Amino acid sequence: MKIRNADKSELMQVSKIERKGNDLVLKGKAFGTMPMTATLTPEEAKAFVKLLTPKLALFLLTLPFRKSKD
């Protein structure tokens, strides 16, 4: 999975997602070369959920089934 910037340049290539205790850990490479590990804690996940609107939540549920415009 690739996470991209607004100008479509690659920020991070995620190669593995795993659980470590109550955290979600993403492992991959930043900018295509630098190894990186990102951690999402339960508190950060709760903060993310507070940002969701019903319309955005529905979009996130349907995102895997959509096609890119590129």
N, C-alpha and C. Protein backbone atom coordinates (compact mmCIF):
# COMPACT_ATOMS: atom_id res chain seq x y z
N MET A 1 0.85 -1.16 0.00
CA MET A 1 0.00 0.00 0.00
C MET A 1 0.90 1.23 0.00
N LYS A 2 0.55 2.20 -0.82
CA LYS A 2 1.32 3.44 -0.87
C LYS A 2 0.49 4.60 -0.33
N ILE A 3 1.13 5.43 0.47
CA ILE A 3 0.52 6.66 0.96
C ILE A 3 1.18 7.79 0.20
N ARG A 4 0.36 8.62 -0.45
CA ARG A 4 0.90 9.66 -1.33
C ARG A 4 0.59 11.06 -0.83
N ASN A 5 1.41 11.99 -1.26
CA ASN A 5 1.26 13.41 -0.99
C ASN A 5 0.21 13.98 -1.96
N ALA A 6 -0.20 15.22 -1.77
CA ALA A 6 -1.18 15.86 -2.65
C ALA A 6 -0.69 15.94 -4.09
N ASP A 7 0.63 16.04 -4.29
CA ASP A 7 1.17 16.11 -5.66
C ASP A 7 1.47 14.73 -6.24
N LYS A 8 0.93 13.68 -5.61
CA LYS A 8 1.05 12.28 -6.03
C LYS A 8 2.43 11.67 -5.82
N SER A 9 3.33 12.37 -5.13
CA SER A 9 4.63 11.78 -4.83
C SER A 9 4.46 10.83 -3.64
N GLU A 10 5.25 9.77 -3.64
CA GLU A 10 5.13 8.73 -2.62
C GLU A 10 5.73 9.17 -1.29
N LEU A 11 4.93 9.10 -0.23
CA LEU A 11 5.41 9.41 1.11
C LEU A 11 5.87 8.15 1.83
N MET A 12 5.07 7.09 1.73
CA MET A 12 5.41 5.85 2.43
C MET A 12 4.86 4.65 1.69
N GLN A 13 5.69 3.62 1.59
CA GLN A 13 5.27 2.32 1.06
C GLN A 13 5.10 1.40 2.26
N VAL A 14 3.86 1.05 2.59
CA VAL A 14 3.58 0.19 3.74
C VAL A 14 3.68 -1.26 3.28
N SER A 15 4.55 -2.03 3.94
CA SER A 15 4.74 -3.42 3.55
C SER A 15 4.14 -4.41 4.54
N LYS A 16 3.88 -3.94 5.77
CA LYS A 16 3.34 -4.84 6.78
C LYS A 16 2.54 -4.06 7.81
N ILE A 17 1.40 -4.61 8.21
CA ILE A 17 0.58 -4.05 9.29
C ILE A 17 0.40 -5.14 10.31
N GLU A 18 0.72 -4.84 11.56
CA GLU A 18 0.60 -5.84 12.61
C GLU A 18 0.13 -5.21 13.92
N ARG A 19 -0.27 -6.07 14.81
CA ARG A 19 -0.72 -5.63 16.14
C ARG A 19 0.41 -5.83 17.14
N LYS A 20 0.62 -4.83 17.99
CA LYS A 20 1.59 -4.95 19.07
C LYS A 20 0.90 -4.47 20.33
N GLY A 21 0.41 -5.42 21.13
CA GLY A 21 -0.39 -5.06 22.30
C GLY A 21 -1.69 -4.43 21.83
N ASN A 22 -1.97 -3.21 22.28
CA ASN A 22 -3.17 -2.50 21.86
C ASN A 22 -2.90 -1.50 20.74
N ASP A 23 -1.70 -1.51 20.18
CA ASP A 23 -1.33 -0.57 19.12
C ASP A 23 -1.36 -1.25 17.75
N LEU A 24 -1.55 -0.45 16.73
CA LEU A 24 -1.46 -0.90 15.35
C LEU A 24 -0.13 -0.38 14.81
N VAL A 25 0.69 -1.28 14.27
CA VAL A 25 2.03 -0.91 13.80
C VAL A 25 2.10 -1.09 12.29
N LEU A 26 2.52 -0.02 11.60
CA LEU A 26 2.71 -0.06 10.15
C LEU A 26 4.21 -0.01 9.88
N LYS A 27 4.71 -0.96 9.09
CA LYS A 27 6.13 -1.00 8.76
C LYS A 27 6.29 -0.81 7.26
N GLY A 28 7.30 -0.08 6.88
CA GLY A 28 7.55 0.15 5.46
C GLY A 28 8.72 1.06 5.25
N LYS A 29 8.69 1.77 4.11
CA LYS A 29 9.77 2.69 3.76
C LYS A 29 9.19 4.06 3.45
N ALA A 30 9.82 5.07 4.01
CA ALA A 30 9.44 6.46 3.74
C ALA A 30 10.25 6.97 2.56
N PHE A 31 9.61 7.66 1.66
CA PHE A 31 10.26 8.23 0.47
C PHE A 31 11.00 7.17 -0.34
N GLY A 32 10.55 5.91 -0.26
CA GLY A 32 11.11 4.84 -1.06
C GLY A 32 12.41 4.25 -0.56
N THR A 33 13.06 4.84 0.44
CA THR A 33 14.36 4.33 0.86
C THR A 33 14.53 4.17 2.37
N MET A 34 13.99 5.07 3.16
CA MET A 34 14.25 5.09 4.60
C MET A 34 13.28 4.17 5.35
N PRO A 35 13.78 3.12 6.02
CA PRO A 35 12.89 2.24 6.80
C PRO A 35 12.15 3.04 7.87
N MET A 36 10.87 2.71 8.05
CA MET A 36 10.05 3.48 8.98
C MET A 36 9.03 2.57 9.66
N THR A 37 8.78 2.83 10.92
CA THR A 37 7.73 2.15 11.67
C THR A 37 6.83 3.22 12.26
N ALA A 38 5.53 3.13 11.95
CA ALA A 38 4.55 4.08 12.48
C ALA A 38 3.61 3.32 13.41
N THR A 39 3.24 3.95 14.50
CA THR A 39 2.38 3.32 15.50
C THR A 39 1.12 4.14 15.70
N LEU A 40 -0.02 3.46 15.70
CA LEU A 40 -1.31 4.10 15.98
C LEU A 40 -1.81 3.56 17.31
N THR A 41 -1.91 4.42 18.31
CA THR A 41 -2.37 4.02 19.63
C THR A 41 -3.90 4.12 19.72
N PRO A 42 -4.51 3.49 20.71
CA PRO A 42 -5.96 3.61 20.87
C PRO A 42 -6.42 5.06 21.03
N GLU A 43 -5.64 5.88 21.75
CA GLU A 43 -6.01 7.29 21.94
C GLU A 43 -6.01 8.05 20.61
N GLU A 44 -5.01 7.76 19.78
CA GLU A 44 -4.95 8.42 18.47
C GLU A 44 -6.07 7.94 17.56
N ALA A 45 -6.44 6.66 17.67
CA ALA A 45 -7.55 6.13 16.88
C ALA A 45 -8.87 6.79 17.30
N LYS A 46 -9.05 7.01 18.61
CA LYS A 46 -10.25 7.70 19.09
C LYS A 46 -10.30 9.13 18.58
N ALA A 47 -9.15 9.79 18.54
CA ALA A 47 -9.09 11.16 18.01
C ALA A 47 -9.45 11.17 16.53
N PHE A 48 -9.03 10.14 15.79
CA PHE A 48 -9.38 10.02 14.37
C PHE A 48 -10.89 9.85 14.20
N VAL A 49 -11.51 9.00 15.02
CA VAL A 49 -12.95 8.75 14.92
C VAL A 49 -13.74 10.03 15.19
N LYS A 50 -13.25 10.88 16.07
CA LYS A 50 -13.94 12.14 16.36
C LYS A 50 -13.95 13.07 15.15
N LEU A 51 -13.00 12.91 14.25
CA LEU A 51 -12.93 13.75 13.05
C LEU A 51 -13.88 13.28 11.95
N LEU A 52 -14.40 12.06 12.07
CA LEU A 52 -15.25 11.50 11.03
C LEU A 52 -16.67 12.08 11.08
N THR A 53 -17.18 12.38 9.92
CA THR A 53 -18.59 12.72 9.76
C THR A 53 -19.28 11.49 9.19
N PRO A 54 -20.60 11.38 9.27
CA PRO A 54 -21.27 10.23 8.67
C PRO A 54 -20.96 10.08 7.17
N LYS A 55 -20.90 11.20 6.46
CA LYS A 55 -20.62 11.15 5.03
C LYS A 55 -19.20 10.62 4.76
N LEU A 56 -18.23 11.06 5.56
CA LEU A 56 -16.85 10.60 5.40
C LEU A 56 -16.71 9.13 5.80
N ALA A 57 -17.41 8.70 6.84
CA ALA A 57 -17.38 7.30 7.26
C ALA A 57 -17.91 6.40 6.14
N LEU A 58 -18.99 6.81 5.49
CA LEU A 58 -19.53 6.04 4.37
C LEU A 58 -18.53 5.99 3.23
N PHE A 59 -17.87 7.11 2.94
CA PHE A 59 -16.86 7.13 1.89
C PHE A 59 -15.73 6.15 2.21
N LEU A 60 -15.25 6.12 3.46
CA LEU A 60 -14.18 5.22 3.84
C LEU A 60 -14.58 3.76 3.69
N LEU A 61 -15.84 3.44 3.99
CA LEU A 61 -16.32 2.07 3.82
C LEU A 61 -16.36 1.64 2.35
N THR A 62 -16.63 2.58 1.45
CA THR A 62 -16.73 2.25 0.03
C THR A 62 -15.42 2.47 -0.73
N LEU A 63 -14.43 3.08 -0.10
CA LEU A 63 -13.16 3.39 -0.77
C LEU A 63 -12.48 2.19 -1.42
N PRO A 64 -12.41 1.02 -0.78
CA PRO A 64 -11.72 -0.11 -1.42
C PRO A 64 -12.39 -0.58 -2.72
N PHE A 65 -13.63 -0.21 -2.95
CA PHE A 65 -14.36 -0.64 -4.13
C PHE A 65 -14.39 0.39 -5.24
N ARG A 66 -13.75 1.53 -5.05
CA ARG A 66 -13.71 2.60 -6.03
C ARG A 66 -12.49 2.49 -6.91
N LYS A 67 -12.56 3.12 -8.08
CA LYS A 67 -11.43 3.17 -9.00
C LYS A 67 -10.76 4.54 -8.92
N SER A 68 -9.45 4.56 -9.15
CA SER A 68 -8.71 5.82 -9.17
C SER A 68 -9.07 6.60 -10.43
N LYS A 69 -8.94 7.92 -10.35
CA LYS A 69 -9.21 8.75 -11.52
C LYS A 69 -7.99 8.86 -12.44
N ASP A 70 -6.84 8.32 -11.98
CA ASP A 70 -5.61 8.39 -12.80
C ASP A 70 -5.61 7.37 -13.89
